[in-house]
Amino acid sequence: MAEFPGTIEELDEHISTLRENLRELIEQAAAHSGAADDELTSQRIEEQEALLETLTKRRAELASAALGEND
């Protein structure tokens, strides 16, 4: 598994970047046509969505751990 940023702030920044990438990929998919372009764009969107899900889960884990430390 790839290494991810270690702080919530770093994860938030990475998540924001991924969301922007997804928005751009979706716009590209809407603007382009052709089977090869569609397949590549779909693959890139799936990869970005999977990474976004992983980072969002990691952020939730860090936030939960931080709350536990404050008890």
PDB file of N, CA and C in Angstrom:
ATOM      1  N   MET A   1       0.835  -1.178   0.000  1.00  0.00           N
ATOM      2  CA  MET A   1       0.000   0.000   0.000  1.00  0.00           C
ATOM      3  C   MET A   1       0.880   1.241   0.000  1.00  0.00           C
ATOM      4  N   ALA A   2       0.462   2.262  -0.695  1.00  0.00           N
ATOM      5  CA  ALA A   2       1.226   3.503  -0.773  1.00  0.00           C
ATOM      6  C   ALA A   2       1.208   4.207   0.572  1.00  0.00           C
ATOM      7  N   GLU A   3       2.234   5.018   0.807  1.00  0.00           N
ATOM      8  CA  GLU A   3       2.282   5.793   2.020  1.00  0.00           C
ATOM      9  C   GLU A   3       1.460   7.058   1.842  1.00  0.00           C
ATOM     10  N   PHE A   4       0.698   7.406   2.860  1.00  0.00           N
ATOM     11  CA  PHE A   4      -0.157   8.585   2.803  1.00  0.00           C
ATOM     12  C   PHE A   4       0.314   9.613   3.815  1.00  0.00           C
ATOM     13  N   PRO A   5      -0.079  10.850   3.600  1.00  0.00           N
ATOM     14  CA  PRO A   5       0.292  11.902   4.550  1.00  0.00           C
ATOM     15  C   PRO A   5      -0.106  11.523   5.973  1.00  0.00           C
ATOM     16  N   GLY A   6       0.649  11.999   6.949  1.00  0.00           N
ATOM     17  CA  GLY A   6       0.458  11.578   8.322  1.00  0.00           C
ATOM     18  C   GLY A   6      -0.425  12.456   9.179  1.00  0.00           C
ATOM     19  N   THR A   7      -0.742  13.651   8.723  1.00  0.00           N
ATOM     20  CA  THR A   7      -1.585  14.517   9.536  1.00  0.00           C
ATOM     21  C   THR A   7      -2.924  14.758   8.844  1.00  0.00           C
ATOM     22  N   ILE A   8      -3.895  15.146   9.645  1.00  0.00           N
ATOM     23  CA  ILE A   8      -5.215  15.440   9.083  1.00  0.00           C
ATOM     24  C   ILE A   8      -5.115  16.581   8.073  1.00  0.00           C
ATOM     25  N   GLU A   9      -4.325  17.585   8.378  1.00  0.00           N
ATOM     26  CA  GLU A   9      -4.178  18.720   7.472  1.00  0.00           C
ATOM     27  C   GLU A   9      -3.594  18.291   6.126  1.00  0.00           C
ATOM     28  N   GLU A  10      -2.581  17.427   6.171  1.00  0.00           N
ATOM     29  CA  GLU A  10      -1.985  16.927   4.934  1.00  0.00           C
ATOM     30  C   GLU A  10      -2.974  16.062   4.152  1.00  0.00           C
ATOM     31  N   LEU A  11      -3.731  15.246   4.867  1.00  0.00           N
ATOM     32  CA  LEU A  11      -4.754  14.428   4.209  1.00  0.00           C
ATOM     33  C   LEU A  11      -5.824  15.306   3.585  1.00  0.00           C
ATOM     34  N   ASP A  12      -6.250  16.339   4.300  1.00  0.00           N
ATOM     35  CA  ASP A  12      -7.260  17.252   3.752  1.00  0.00           C
ATOM     36  C   ASP A  12      -6.784  17.883   2.446  1.00  0.00           C
ATOM     37  N   GLU A  13      -5.530  18.273   2.412  1.00  0.00           N
ATOM     38  CA  GLU A  13      -4.962  18.875   1.202  1.00  0.00           C
ATOM     39  C   GLU A  13      -4.939  17.854   0.061  1.00  0.00           C
ATOM     40  N   HIS A  14      -4.530  16.644   0.374  1.00  0.00           N
ATOM     41  CA  HIS A  14      -4.462  15.587  -0.645  1.00  0.00           C
ATOM     42  C   HIS A  14      -5.868  15.234  -1.142  1.00  0.00           C
ATOM     43  N   ILE A  15      -6.814  15.152  -0.235  1.00  0.00           N
ATOM     44  CA  ILE A  15      -8.198  14.854  -0.594  1.00  0.00           C
ATOM     45  C   ILE A  15      -8.752  15.952  -1.492  1.00  0.00           C
ATOM     46  N   SER A  16      -8.470  17.190  -1.169  1.00  0.00           N
ATOM     47  CA  SER A  16      -8.922  18.311  -1.988  1.00  0.00           C
ATOM     48  C   SER A  16      -8.358  18.226  -3.403  1.00  0.00           C
ATOM     49  N   THR A  17      -7.088  17.884  -3.509  1.00  0.00           N
ATOM     50  CA  THR A  17      -6.452  17.729  -4.817  1.00  0.00           C
ATOM     51  C   THR A  17      -7.099  16.593  -5.607  1.00  0.00           C
ATOM     52  N   LEU A  18      -7.366  15.484  -4.938  1.00  0.00           N
ATOM     53  CA  LEU A  18      -8.009  14.355  -5.613  1.00  0.00           C
ATOM     54  C   LEU A  18      -9.404  14.726  -6.109  1.00  0.00           C
ATOM     55  N   ARG A  19     -10.149  15.447  -5.308  1.00  0.00           N
ATOM     56  CA  ARG A  19     -11.490  15.860  -5.730  1.00  0.00           C
ATOM     57  C   ARG A  19     -11.421  16.765  -6.958  1.00  0.00           C
ATOM     58  N   GLU A  20     -10.449  17.648  -6.995  1.00  0.00           N
ATOM     59  CA  GLU A  20     -10.266  18.515  -8.155  1.00  0.00           C
ATOM     60  C   GLU A  20      -9.884  17.689  -9.379  1.00  0.00           C
ATOM     61  N   ASN A  21      -8.993  16.717  -9.195  1.00  0.00           N
ATOM     62  CA  ASN A  21      -8.612  15.829 -10.301  1.00  0.00           C
ATOM     63  C   ASN A  21      -9.823  15.089 -10.844  1.00  0.00           C
ATOM     64  N   LEU A  22     -10.654  14.584  -9.956  1.00  0.00           N
ATOM     65  CA  LEU A  22     -11.864  13.867 -10.386  1.00  0.00           C
ATOM     66  C   LEU A  22     -12.796  14.783 -11.164  1.00  0.00           C
ATOM     67  N   ARG A  23     -12.961  16.000 -10.681  1.00  0.00           N
ATOM     68  CA  ARG A  23     -13.821  16.962 -11.380  1.00  0.00           C
ATOM     69  C   ARG A  23     -13.310  17.204 -12.798  1.00  0.00           C
ATOM     70  N   GLU A  24     -12.003  17.383 -12.929  1.00  0.00           N
ATOM     71  CA  GLU A  24     -11.405  17.610 -14.247  1.00  0.00           C
ATOM     72  C   GLU A  24     -11.546  16.388 -15.153  1.00  0.00           C
ATOM     73  N   LEU A  25     -11.347  15.197 -14.593  1.00  0.00           N
ATOM     74  CA  LEU A  25     -11.482  13.979 -15.389  1.00  0.00           C
ATOM     75  C   LEU A  25     -12.916  13.795 -15.882  1.00  0.00           C
ATOM     76  N   ILE A  26     -13.872  14.100 -15.040  1.00  0.00           N
ATOM     77  CA  ILE A  26     -15.270  13.975 -15.431  1.00  0.00           C
ATOM     78  C   ILE A  26     -15.601  14.988 -16.527  1.00  0.00           C
ATOM     79  N   GLU A  27     -15.072  16.192 -16.406  1.00  0.00           N
ATOM     80  CA  GLU A  27     -15.265  17.185 -17.462  1.00  0.00           C
ATOM     81  C   GLU A  27     -14.639  16.722 -18.770  1.00  0.00           C
ATOM     82  N   GLN A  28     -13.444  16.146 -18.694  1.00  0.00           N
ATOM     83  CA  GLN A  28     -12.777  15.626 -19.893  1.00  0.00           C
ATOM     84  C   GLN A  28     -13.598  14.515 -20.525  1.00  0.00           C
ATOM     85  N   ALA A  29     -14.137  13.640 -19.706  1.00  0.00           N
ATOM     86  CA  ALA A  29     -14.938  12.528 -20.217  1.00  0.00           C
ATOM     87  C   ALA A  29     -16.163  13.046 -20.948  1.00  0.00           C
ATOM     88  N   ALA A  30     -16.757  14.105 -20.446  1.00  0.00           N
ATOM     89  CA  ALA A  30     -17.945  14.673 -21.083  1.00  0.00           C
ATOM     90  C   ALA A  30     -17.588  15.364 -22.396  1.00  0.00           C
ATOM     91  N   ALA A  31     -16.385  15.904 -22.486  1.00  0.00           N
ATOM     92  CA  ALA A  31     -15.986  16.667 -23.666  1.00  0.00           C
ATOM     93  C   ALA A  31     -15.433  15.787 -24.787  1.00  0.00           C
ATOM     94  N   HIS A  32     -14.883  14.643 -24.457  1.00  0.00           N
ATOM     95  CA  HIS A  32     -14.239  13.781 -25.443  1.00  0.00           C
ATOM     96  C   HIS A  32     -15.143  12.617 -25.812  1.00  0.00           C
ATOM     97  N   SER A  33     -14.917  12.127 -26.995  1.00  0.00           N
ATOM     98  CA  SER A  33     -15.609  10.901 -27.383  1.00  0.00           C
ATOM     99  C   SER A  33     -14.609   9.974 -28.033  1.00  0.00           C
ATOM    100  N   GLY A  34     -14.932   8.717 -28.041  1.00  0.00           N
ATOM    101  CA  GLY A  34     -14.036   7.711 -28.600  1.00  0.00           C
ATOM    102  C   GLY A  34     -13.783   6.630 -27.583  1.00  0.00           C
ATOM    103  N   ALA A  35     -13.805   5.394 -28.014  1.00  0.00           N
ATOM    104  CA  ALA A  35     -13.697   4.256 -27.105  1.00  0.00           C
ATOM    105  C   ALA A  35     -12.393   4.258 -26.317  1.00  0.00           C
ATOM    106  N   ALA A  36     -11.282   4.547 -26.977  1.00  0.00           N
ATOM    107  CA  ALA A  36      -9.988   4.521 -26.290  1.00  0.00           C
ATOM    108  C   ALA A  36      -9.924   5.622 -25.231  1.00  0.00           C
ATOM    109  N   ASP A  37     -10.372   6.827 -25.581  1.00  0.00           N
ATOM    110  CA  ASP A  37     -10.387   7.933 -24.624  1.00  0.00           C
ATOM    111  C   ASP A  37     -11.313   7.615 -23.457  1.00  0.00           C
ATOM    112  N   ASP A  38     -12.485   7.071 -23.757  1.00  0.00           N
ATOM    113  CA  ASP A  38     -13.450   6.751 -22.712  1.00  0.00           C
ATOM    114  C   ASP A  38     -12.888   5.727 -21.739  1.00  0.00           C
ATOM    115  N   GLU A  39     -12.243   4.709 -22.258  1.00  0.00           N
ATOM    116  CA  GLU A  39     -11.687   3.649 -21.410  1.00  0.00           C
ATOM    117  C   GLU A  39     -10.587   4.204 -20.506  1.00  0.00           C
ATOM    118  N   LEU A  40      -9.681   4.979 -21.067  1.00  0.00           N
ATOM    119  CA  LEU A  40      -8.593   5.550 -20.281  1.00  0.00           C
ATOM    120  C   LEU A  40      -9.134   6.490 -19.216  1.00  0.00           C
ATOM    121  N   THR A  41     -10.060   7.341 -19.592  1.00  0.00           N
ATOM    122  CA  THR A  41     -10.628   8.282 -18.635  1.00  0.00           C
ATOM    123  C   THR A  41     -11.379   7.547 -17.538  1.00  0.00           C
ATOM    124  N   SER A  42     -12.145   6.526 -17.904  1.00  0.00           N
ATOM    125  CA  SER A  42     -12.874   5.740 -16.910  1.00  0.00           C
ATOM    126  C   SER A  42     -11.920   5.072 -15.930  1.00  0.00           C
ATOM    127  N   GLN A  43     -10.830   4.543 -16.443  1.00  0.00           N
ATOM    128  CA  GLN A  43      -9.837   3.899 -15.589  1.00  0.00           C
ATOM    129  C   GLN A  43      -9.227   4.916 -14.628  1.00  0.00           C
ATOM    130  N   ARG A  44      -8.876   6.086 -15.128  1.00  0.00           N
ATOM    131  CA  ARG A  44      -8.282   7.121 -14.275  1.00  0.00           C
ATOM    132  C   ARG A  44      -9.269   7.576 -13.203  1.00  0.00           C
ATOM    133  N   ILE A  45     -10.546   7.713 -13.577  1.00  0.00           N
ATOM    134  CA  ILE A  45     -11.567   8.109 -12.607  1.00  0.00           C
ATOM    135  C   ILE A  45     -11.684   7.044 -11.518  1.00  0.00           C
ATOM    136  N   GLU A  46     -11.730   5.779 -11.900  1.00  0.00           N
ATOM    137  CA  GLU A  46     -11.827   4.689 -10.923  1.00  0.00           C
ATOM    138  C   GLU A  46     -10.638   4.697  -9.969  1.00  0.00           C
ATOM    139  N   GLU A  47      -9.443   4.907 -10.496  1.00  0.00           N
ATOM    140  CA  GLU A  47      -8.241   4.940  -9.659  1.00  0.00           C
ATOM    141  C   GLU A  47      -8.296   6.101  -8.672  1.00  0.00           C
ATOM    142  N   GLN A  48      -8.696   7.269  -9.155  1.00  0.00           N
ATOM    143  CA  GLN A  48      -8.783   8.442  -8.294  1.00  0.00           C
ATOM    144  C   GLN A  48      -9.858   8.265  -7.230  1.00  0.00           C
ATOM    145  N   GLU A  49     -10.998   7.684  -7.600  1.00  0.00           N
ATOM    146  CA  GLU A  49     -12.071   7.447  -6.636  1.00  0.00           C
ATOM    147  C   GLU A  49     -11.621   6.460  -5.557  1.00  0.00           C
ATOM    148  N   ALA A  50     -10.901   5.430  -5.937  1.00  0.00           N
ATOM    149  CA  ALA A  50     -10.407   4.445  -4.968  1.00  0.00           C
ATOM    150  C   ALA A  50      -9.415   5.094  -4.008  1.00  0.00           C
ATOM    151  N   LEU A  51      -8.537   5.910  -4.530  1.00  0.00           N
ATOM    152  CA  LEU A  51      -7.565   6.598  -3.677  1.00  0.00           C
ATOM    153  C   LEU A  51      -8.276   7.577  -2.756  1.00  0.00           C
ATOM    154  N   LEU A  52      -9.254   8.290  -3.273  1.00  0.00           N
ATOM    155  CA  LEU A  52     -10.023   9.226  -2.453  1.00  0.00           C
ATOM    156  C   LEU A  52     -10.713   8.487  -1.308  1.00  0.00           C
ATOM    157  N   GLU A  53     -11.300   7.340  -1.586  1.00  0.00           N
ATOM    158  CA  GLU A  53     -11.959   6.557  -0.542  1.00  0.00           C
ATOM    159  C   GLU A  53     -10.955   6.124   0.525  1.00  0.00           C
ATOM    160  N   THR A  54      -9.788   5.672   0.100  1.00  0.00           N
ATOM    161  CA  THR A  54      -8.747   5.235   1.035  1.00  0.00           C
ATOM    162  C   THR A  54      -8.293   6.387   1.916  1.00  0.00           C
ATOM    163  N   LEU A  55      -8.053   7.547   1.309  1.00  0.00           N
ATOM    164  CA  LEU A  55      -7.597   8.705   2.081  1.00  0.00           C
ATOM    165  C   LEU A  55      -8.676   9.206   3.027  1.00  0.00           C
ATOM    166  N   THR A  56      -9.928   9.175   2.588  1.00  0.00           N
ATOM    167  CA  THR A  56     -11.022   9.616   3.439  1.00  0.00           C
ATOM    168  C   THR A  56     -11.146   8.703   4.662  1.00  0.00           C
ATOM    169  N   LYS A  57     -10.997   7.405   4.458  1.00  0.00           N
ATOM    170  CA  LYS A  57     -11.024   6.460   5.581  1.00  0.00           C
ATOM    171  C   LYS A  57      -9.854   6.717   6.521  1.00  0.00           C
ATOM    172  N   ARG A  58      -8.672   6.942   5.961  1.00  0.00           N
ATOM    173  CA  ARG A  58      -7.482   7.211   6.781  1.00  0.00           C
ATOM    174  C   ARG A  58      -7.677   8.476   7.599  1.00  0.00           C
ATOM    175  N   ARG A  59      -8.277   9.498   6.995  1.00  0.00           N
ATOM    176  CA  ARG A  59      -8.531  10.747   7.707  1.00  0.00           C
ATOM    177  C   ARG A  59      -9.482  10.495   8.871  1.00  0.00           C
ATOM    178  N   ALA A  60     -10.532   9.719   8.636  1.00  0.00           N
ATOM    179  CA  ALA A  60     -11.486   9.399   9.697  1.00  0.00           C
ATOM    180  C   ALA A  60     -10.796   8.656  10.845  1.00  0.00           C
ATOM    181  N   GLU A  61      -9.890   7.739  10.502  1.00  0.00           N
ATOM    182  CA  GLU A  61      -9.142   7.009  11.529  1.00  0.00           C
ATOM    183  C   GLU A  61      -8.288   7.957  12.361  1.00  0.00           C
ATOM    184  N   LEU A  62      -7.597   8.877  11.698  1.00  0.00           N
ATOM    185  CA  LEU A  62      -6.763   9.836  12.419  1.00  0.00           C
ATOM    186  C   LEU A  62      -7.608  10.744  13.298  1.00  0.00           C
ATOM    187  N   ALA A  63      -8.733  11.196  12.780  1.00  0.00           N
ATOM    188  CA  ALA A  63      -9.611  12.073  13.554  1.00  0.00           C
ATOM    189  C   ALA A  63     -10.156  11.334  14.770  1.00  0.00           C
ATOM    190  N   SER A  64     -10.523  10.086  14.594  1.00  0.00           N
ATOM    191  CA  SER A  64     -11.033   9.273  15.700  1.00  0.00           C
ATOM    192  C   SER A  64      -9.968   9.062  16.745  1.00  0.00           C
ATOM    193  N   ALA A  65      -8.751   8.782  16.295  1.00  0.00           N
ATOM    194  CA  ALA A  65      -7.640   8.581  17.223  1.00  0.00           C
ATOM    195  C   ALA A  65      -7.339   9.866  17.990  1.00  0.00           C
ATOM    196  N   ALA A  66      -7.416  11.002  17.297  1.00  0.00           N
ATOM    197  CA  ALA A  66      -7.159  12.284  17.943  1.00  0.00           C
ATOM    198  C   ALA A  66      -8.226  12.566  19.011  1.00  0.00           C
ATOM    199  N   LEU A  67      -9.466  12.217  18.735  1.00  0.00           N
ATOM    200  CA  LEU A  67     -10.530  12.401  19.714  1.00  0.00           C
ATOM    201  C   LEU A  67     -10.312  11.497  20.928  1.00  0.00           C
ATOM    202  N   GLY A  68      -9.850  10.275  20.656  1.00  0.00           N
ATOM    203  CA  GLY A  68      -9.574   9.341  21.752  1.00  0.00           C
ATOM    204  C   GLY A  68      -8.468   9.808  22.656  1.00  0.00           C
ATOM    205  N   GLU A  69      -7.506  10.507  22.096  1.00  0.00           N
ATOM    206  CA  GLU A  69      -6.390  11.035  22.882  1.00  0.00           C
ATOM    207  C   GLU A  69      -6.838  12.163  23.789  1.00  0.00           C
ATOM    208  N   ASN A  70      -7.891  12.865  23.412  1.00  0.00           N
ATOM    209  CA  ASN A  70      -8.372  14.012  24.181  1.00  0.00           C
ATOM    210  C   ASN A  70      -9.287  13.608  25.323  1.00  0.00           C
ATOM    211  N   ASP A  71      -9.623  12.338  25.423  1.00  0.00           N
ATOM    212  CA  ASP A  71     -10.531  11.885  26.503  1.00  0.00           C
ATOM    213  C   ASP A  71      -9.820  11.807  27.817  1.00  0.00           C
TER     214      ASP A  71
END
